[in-house]
Amino acid sequence: MVTSFNGEKYTEALEKTNYSYQTLLNSKWVASKIELCKRLHNLSWTHHREVASLNSAQQKYWLDRAEEEQLSKRELRQAINQVKWVASQIKISSRLENLGWAHHICYF
């Protein structure tokens, strides 16, 4: 029996659905991170889960892009990860330049 988190609500949801407790928690987290008015109904819940950890402007950008380009969940995740990776490399390069290592940086 689940009672630690909105007890009756979760117990009832577990009884009425085939979802696990963890799935319900994950769904609640995604719903709390993306405002209802920003959700795109023609994208899957998984698309929304992929952007839930981003800020509001980033969420809008990626959801709009996924819709416009008809990105799959996997393609959306890959695109976001590529941008994060490039951003991390720029930060590293900037830090190295600040430390006087600019001549050791290989730009690609």
N, C-alpha and C. Protein backbone atom coordinates (compact mmCIF):
# COMPACT_ATOMS: atom_id res chain seq x y z
N MET A 1 0.84 -1.19 0.00
CA MET A 1 0.00 0.00 0.00
C MET A 1 0.88 1.25 0.00
N VAL A 2 0.53 2.21 -0.83
CA VAL A 2 1.29 3.44 -0.96
C VAL A 2 0.58 4.53 -0.18
N THR A 3 1.24 5.05 0.87
CA THR A 3 0.61 6.10 1.66
C THR A 3 1.52 7.30 1.87
N SER A 4 2.77 7.21 1.46
CA SER A 4 3.71 8.27 1.78
C SER A 4 3.58 9.51 0.89
N PHE A 5 2.86 9.43 -0.20
CA PHE A 5 2.83 10.54 -1.15
C PHE A 5 1.41 10.73 -1.63
N ASN A 6 0.67 11.64 -1.02
CA ASN A 6 -0.74 11.83 -1.34
C ASN A 6 -1.48 10.51 -1.27
N GLY A 7 -1.26 9.79 -0.22
CA GLY A 7 -1.76 8.45 0.00
C GLY A 7 -2.95 7.99 -0.80
N GLU A 8 -4.12 8.54 -0.55
CA GLU A 8 -5.34 8.06 -1.18
C GLU A 8 -5.30 8.23 -2.69
N LYS A 9 -4.78 9.37 -3.15
CA LYS A 9 -4.71 9.64 -4.58
C LYS A 9 -3.89 8.58 -5.30
N TYR A 10 -2.72 8.27 -4.78
CA TYR A 10 -1.85 7.30 -5.43
C TYR A 10 -2.37 5.89 -5.29
N THR A 11 -2.94 5.56 -4.16
CA THR A 11 -3.52 4.23 -3.97
C THR A 11 -4.65 4.03 -4.98
N GLU A 12 -5.49 5.04 -5.13
CA GLU A 12 -6.59 4.95 -6.09
C GLU A 12 -6.07 4.85 -7.53
N ALA A 13 -5.07 5.64 -7.87
CA ALA A 13 -4.50 5.60 -9.22
C ALA A 13 -3.86 4.24 -9.50
N LEU A 14 -3.18 3.69 -8.52
CA LEU A 14 -2.57 2.37 -8.69
C LEU A 14 -3.62 1.29 -8.91
N GLU A 15 -4.72 1.43 -8.21
CA GLU A 15 -5.80 0.44 -8.33
C GLU A 15 -6.54 0.55 -9.66
N LYS A 16 -6.68 1.77 -10.18
CA LYS A 16 -7.48 1.99 -11.38
C LYS A 16 -6.68 1.90 -12.68
N THR A 17 -5.38 1.92 -12.59
CA THR A 17 -4.55 1.87 -13.80
C THR A 17 -3.60 0.68 -13.71
N ASN A 18 -2.92 0.44 -14.78
CA ASN A 18 -1.89 -0.59 -14.79
C ASN A 18 -0.51 0.02 -14.60
N TYR A 19 -0.46 1.28 -14.20
CA TYR A 19 0.81 1.96 -14.02
C TYR A 19 1.46 1.61 -12.69
N SER A 20 2.78 1.59 -12.69
CA SER A 20 3.51 1.36 -11.44
C SER A 20 3.57 2.66 -10.66
N TYR A 21 3.92 2.54 -9.40
CA TYR A 21 4.07 3.72 -8.56
C TYR A 21 5.12 4.66 -9.14
N GLN A 22 6.24 4.11 -9.63
CA GLN A 22 7.31 4.93 -10.20
C GLN A 22 6.82 5.67 -11.45
N THR A 23 6.02 5.01 -12.26
CA THR A 23 5.46 5.66 -13.46
C THR A 23 4.58 6.83 -13.06
N LEU A 24 3.78 6.64 -12.03
CA LEU A 24 2.93 7.74 -11.55
C LEU A 24 3.77 8.89 -11.02
N LEU A 25 4.83 8.58 -10.29
CA LEU A 25 5.72 9.64 -9.80
C LEU A 25 6.38 10.39 -10.95
N ASN A 26 6.86 9.63 -11.94
CA ASN A 26 7.50 10.26 -13.11
C ASN A 26 6.52 11.16 -13.85
N SER A 27 5.30 10.68 -14.01
CA SER A 27 4.28 11.47 -14.69
C SER A 27 3.97 12.75 -13.93
N LYS A 28 3.89 12.64 -12.64
CA LYS A 28 3.64 13.83 -11.81
C LYS A 28 4.78 14.83 -11.95
N TRP A 29 6.01 14.33 -11.97
CA TRP A 29 7.18 15.21 -12.10
C TRP A 29 7.14 15.94 -13.44
N VAL A 30 6.90 15.22 -14.53
CA VAL A 30 6.84 15.86 -15.85
C VAL A 30 5.72 16.89 -15.87
N ALA A 31 4.57 16.52 -15.37
CA ALA A 31 3.43 17.45 -15.35
C ALA A 31 3.74 18.70 -14.53
N SER A 32 4.51 18.55 -13.48
CA SER A 32 4.84 19.72 -12.64
C SER A 32 5.88 20.62 -13.31
N LYS A 33 6.64 20.08 -14.25
CA LYS A 33 7.71 20.85 -14.90
C LYS A 33 7.26 21.54 -16.18
N ILE A 34 6.20 21.04 -16.82
CA ILE A 34 5.74 21.63 -18.08
C ILE A 34 4.30 22.07 -17.91
N GLU A 35 4.10 23.37 -18.01
CA GLU A 35 2.76 23.91 -17.83
C GLU A 35 1.82 23.33 -18.88
N LEU A 36 0.58 23.14 -18.48
CA LEU A 36 -0.43 22.56 -19.36
C LEU A 36 -0.54 23.34 -20.67
N CYS A 37 -0.50 24.65 -20.59
CA CYS A 37 -0.66 25.48 -21.79
C CYS A 37 0.54 25.37 -22.74
N LYS A 38 1.65 24.81 -22.29
CA LYS A 38 2.84 24.68 -23.14
C LYS A 38 2.97 23.28 -23.75
N ARG A 39 2.11 22.37 -23.35
CA ARG A 39 2.18 21.01 -23.87
C ARG A 39 1.58 20.96 -25.27
N LEU A 40 2.22 20.19 -26.13
CA LEU A 40 1.74 20.03 -27.49
C LEU A 40 1.07 18.67 -27.61
N HIS A 41 -0.19 18.69 -27.94
CA HIS A 41 -1.00 17.47 -27.90
C HIS A 41 -0.63 16.46 -28.98
N ASN A 42 0.02 16.92 -30.04
CA ASN A 42 0.40 15.96 -31.08
C ASN A 42 1.77 15.33 -30.83
N LEU A 43 2.41 15.69 -29.71
CA LEU A 43 3.65 15.05 -29.30
C LEU A 43 3.37 14.10 -28.16
N SER A 44 4.17 13.07 -28.05
CA SER A 44 3.96 12.07 -27.00
C SER A 44 4.38 12.60 -25.63
N TRP A 45 3.94 11.88 -24.62
CA TRP A 45 4.34 12.21 -23.25
C TRP A 45 5.86 12.10 -23.12
N THR A 46 6.45 11.15 -23.83
CA THR A 46 7.90 10.96 -23.77
C THR A 46 8.63 12.16 -24.34
N HIS A 47 8.10 12.79 -25.38
CA HIS A 47 8.70 14.03 -25.89
C HIS A 47 8.75 15.07 -24.77
N HIS A 48 7.66 15.18 -24.05
CA HIS A 48 7.60 16.15 -22.96
C HIS A 48 8.55 15.78 -21.83
N ARG A 49 8.67 14.49 -21.56
CA ARG A 49 9.60 14.04 -20.52
C ARG A 49 11.04 14.41 -20.89
N GLU A 50 11.36 14.33 -22.18
CA GLU A 50 12.72 14.65 -22.64
C GLU A 50 13.11 16.09 -22.35
N VAL A 51 12.15 17.00 -22.34
CA VAL A 51 12.47 18.42 -22.15
C VAL A 51 12.14 18.91 -20.73
N ALA A 52 11.59 18.06 -19.90
CA ALA A 52 11.11 18.49 -18.58
C ALA A 52 12.20 19.10 -17.70
N SER A 53 13.43 18.66 -17.85
CA SER A 53 14.51 19.18 -16.99
C SER A 53 15.06 20.52 -17.48
N LEU A 54 14.62 20.96 -18.65
CA LEU A 54 15.11 22.22 -19.23
C LEU A 54 14.30 23.39 -18.70
N ASN A 55 14.83 24.61 -18.91
CA ASN A 55 14.05 25.78 -18.50
C ASN A 55 12.90 26.00 -19.48
N SER A 56 11.99 26.89 -19.14
CA SER A 56 10.76 27.08 -19.90
C SER A 56 11.02 27.47 -21.36
N ALA A 57 11.95 28.37 -21.59
CA ALA A 57 12.26 28.79 -22.96
C ALA A 57 12.85 27.64 -23.78
N GLN A 58 13.71 26.85 -23.15
CA GLN A 58 14.30 25.70 -23.84
C GLN A 58 13.24 24.64 -24.13
N GLN A 59 12.34 24.44 -23.18
CA GLN A 59 11.24 23.49 -23.40
C GLN A 59 10.43 23.89 -24.62
N LYS A 60 10.07 25.17 -24.70
CA LYS A 60 9.27 25.65 -25.83
C LYS A 60 10.03 25.45 -27.14
N TYR A 61 11.30 25.83 -27.15
CA TYR A 61 12.11 25.68 -28.36
C TYR A 61 12.12 24.23 -28.84
N TRP A 62 12.43 23.31 -27.93
CA TRP A 62 12.59 21.90 -28.33
C TRP A 62 11.25 21.25 -28.67
N LEU A 63 10.19 21.59 -27.96
CA LEU A 63 8.89 21.02 -28.30
C LEU A 63 8.42 21.55 -29.66
N ASP A 64 8.61 22.85 -29.90
CA ASP A 64 8.24 23.42 -31.20
C ASP A 64 9.05 22.78 -32.32
N ARG A 65 10.34 22.61 -32.08
CA ARG A 65 11.21 22.00 -33.10
C ARG A 65 10.80 20.55 -33.36
N ALA A 66 10.51 19.81 -32.30
CA ALA A 66 10.08 18.42 -32.46
C ALA A 66 8.80 18.34 -33.27
N GLU A 67 7.90 19.28 -33.03
CA GLU A 67 6.64 19.30 -33.77
C GLU A 67 6.88 19.66 -35.24
N GLU A 68 7.62 20.74 -35.47
CA GLU A 68 7.87 21.21 -36.83
C GLU A 68 8.64 20.21 -37.68
N GLU A 69 9.64 19.57 -37.08
CA GLU A 69 10.49 18.65 -37.82
C GLU A 69 10.04 17.19 -37.68
N GLN A 70 8.94 16.98 -36.98
CA GLN A 70 8.40 15.65 -36.74
C GLN A 70 9.47 14.71 -36.19
N LEU A 71 10.18 15.21 -35.16
CA LEU A 71 11.24 14.42 -34.55
C LEU A 71 10.66 13.30 -33.71
N SER A 72 11.26 12.14 -33.80
CA SER A 72 10.88 11.05 -32.91
C SER A 72 11.41 11.38 -31.51
N LYS A 73 10.99 10.61 -30.52
CA LYS A 73 11.51 10.81 -29.15
C LYS A 73 13.02 10.67 -29.15
N ARG A 74 13.49 9.68 -29.87
CA ARG A 74 14.93 9.40 -29.93
C ARG A 74 15.69 10.54 -30.62
N GLU A 75 15.15 11.02 -31.71
CA GLU A 75 15.80 12.13 -32.43
C GLU A 75 15.83 13.39 -31.58
N LEU A 76 14.76 13.64 -30.84
CA LEU A 76 14.72 14.80 -29.95
C LEU A 76 15.79 14.67 -28.87
N ARG A 77 15.88 13.52 -28.25
CA ARG A 77 16.89 13.29 -27.20
C ARG A 77 18.30 13.49 -27.77
N GLN A 78 18.55 12.95 -28.96
CA GLN A 78 19.87 13.08 -29.58
C GLN A 78 20.19 14.53 -29.88
N ALA A 79 19.23 15.28 -30.40
CA ALA A 79 19.45 16.69 -30.73
C ALA A 79 19.77 17.50 -29.46
N ILE A 80 19.02 17.25 -28.41
CA ILE A 80 19.26 17.95 -27.14
C ILE A 80 20.64 17.60 -26.60
N ASN A 81 20.99 16.32 -26.63
CA ASN A 81 22.31 15.90 -26.13
C ASN A 81 23.45 16.48 -26.96
N GLN A 82 23.27 16.61 -28.26
CA GLN A 82 24.30 17.23 -29.10
C GLN A 82 24.53 18.68 -28.70
N VAL A 83 23.45 19.40 -28.50
CA VAL A 83 23.57 20.81 -28.11
C VAL A 83 24.23 20.92 -26.74
N LYS A 84 23.85 20.06 -25.81
CA LYS A 84 24.48 20.08 -24.48
C LYS A 84 25.97 19.78 -24.58
N TRP A 85 26.33 18.82 -25.44
CA TRP A 85 27.73 18.46 -25.60
C TRP A 85 28.52 19.63 -26.17
N VAL A 86 28.01 20.27 -27.21
CA VAL A 86 28.70 21.42 -27.81
C VAL A 86 28.85 22.53 -26.78
N ALA A 87 27.79 22.79 -26.03
CA ALA A 87 27.86 23.83 -24.99
C ALA A 87 28.92 23.50 -23.95
N SER A 88 29.05 22.24 -23.59
CA SER A 88 30.07 21.85 -22.60
C SER A 88 31.47 22.05 -23.18
N GLN A 89 31.64 21.77 -24.46
CA GLN A 89 32.95 21.96 -25.09
C GLN A 89 33.33 23.43 -25.17
N ILE A 90 32.35 24.27 -25.43
CA ILE A 90 32.59 25.72 -25.47
C ILE A 90 33.00 26.21 -24.09
N LYS A 91 32.34 25.72 -23.05
CA LYS A 91 32.70 26.11 -21.68
C LYS A 91 34.12 25.68 -21.35
N ILE A 92 34.46 24.45 -21.73
CA ILE A 92 35.81 23.94 -21.47
C ILE A 92 36.85 24.78 -22.21
N SER A 93 36.59 25.07 -23.48
CA SER A 93 37.51 25.89 -24.27
C SER A 93 37.69 27.27 -23.67
N SER A 94 36.59 27.84 -23.23
CA SER A 94 36.64 29.17 -22.62
C SER A 94 37.48 29.15 -21.34
N ARG A 95 37.30 28.12 -20.53
CA ARG A 95 38.08 27.99 -19.29
C ARG A 95 39.57 27.83 -19.59
N LEU A 96 39.88 27.03 -20.60
CA LEU A 96 41.28 26.83 -20.98
C LEU A 96 41.90 28.13 -21.49
N GLU A 97 41.14 28.87 -22.27
CA GLU A 97 41.63 30.16 -22.76
C GLU A 97 41.92 31.10 -21.60
N ASN A 98 41.03 31.11 -20.62
CA ASN A 98 41.21 31.96 -19.44
C ASN A 98 42.44 31.56 -18.63
N LEU A 99 42.85 30.31 -18.74
CA LEU A 99 44.04 29.83 -18.03
C LEU A 99 45.31 29.97 -18.87
N GLY A 100 45.19 30.54 -20.06
CA GLY A 100 46.35 30.73 -20.91
C GLY A 100 46.69 29.53 -21.77
N TRP A 101 45.77 28.64 -21.95
CA TRP A 101 46.01 27.43 -22.74
C TRP A 101 45.44 27.55 -24.15
N ALA A 102 45.18 28.75 -24.62
CA ALA A 102 44.52 28.95 -25.91
C ALA A 102 45.28 28.27 -27.05
N HIS A 103 46.61 28.28 -27.00
CA HIS A 103 47.37 27.70 -28.11
C HIS A 103 47.32 26.17 -28.12
N HIS A 104 46.77 25.55 -27.08
CA HIS A 104 46.63 24.10 -27.03
C HIS A 104 45.25 23.61 -27.44
N ILE A 105 44.37 24.55 -27.74
CA ILE A 105 42.99 24.20 -28.07
C ILE A 105 42.89 23.86 -29.56
N CYS A 106 42.29 22.75 -29.84
CA CYS A 106 42.06 22.32 -31.21
C CYS A 106 40.59 22.57 -31.54
N TYR A 107 40.33 23.51 -32.41
CA TYR A 107 38.94 23.81 -32.80
C TYR A 107 38.53 22.90 -33.95
N PHE A 108 37.34 22.42 -33.88
CA PHE A 108 36.85 21.51 -34.93
C PHE A 108 35.54 21.98 -35.47
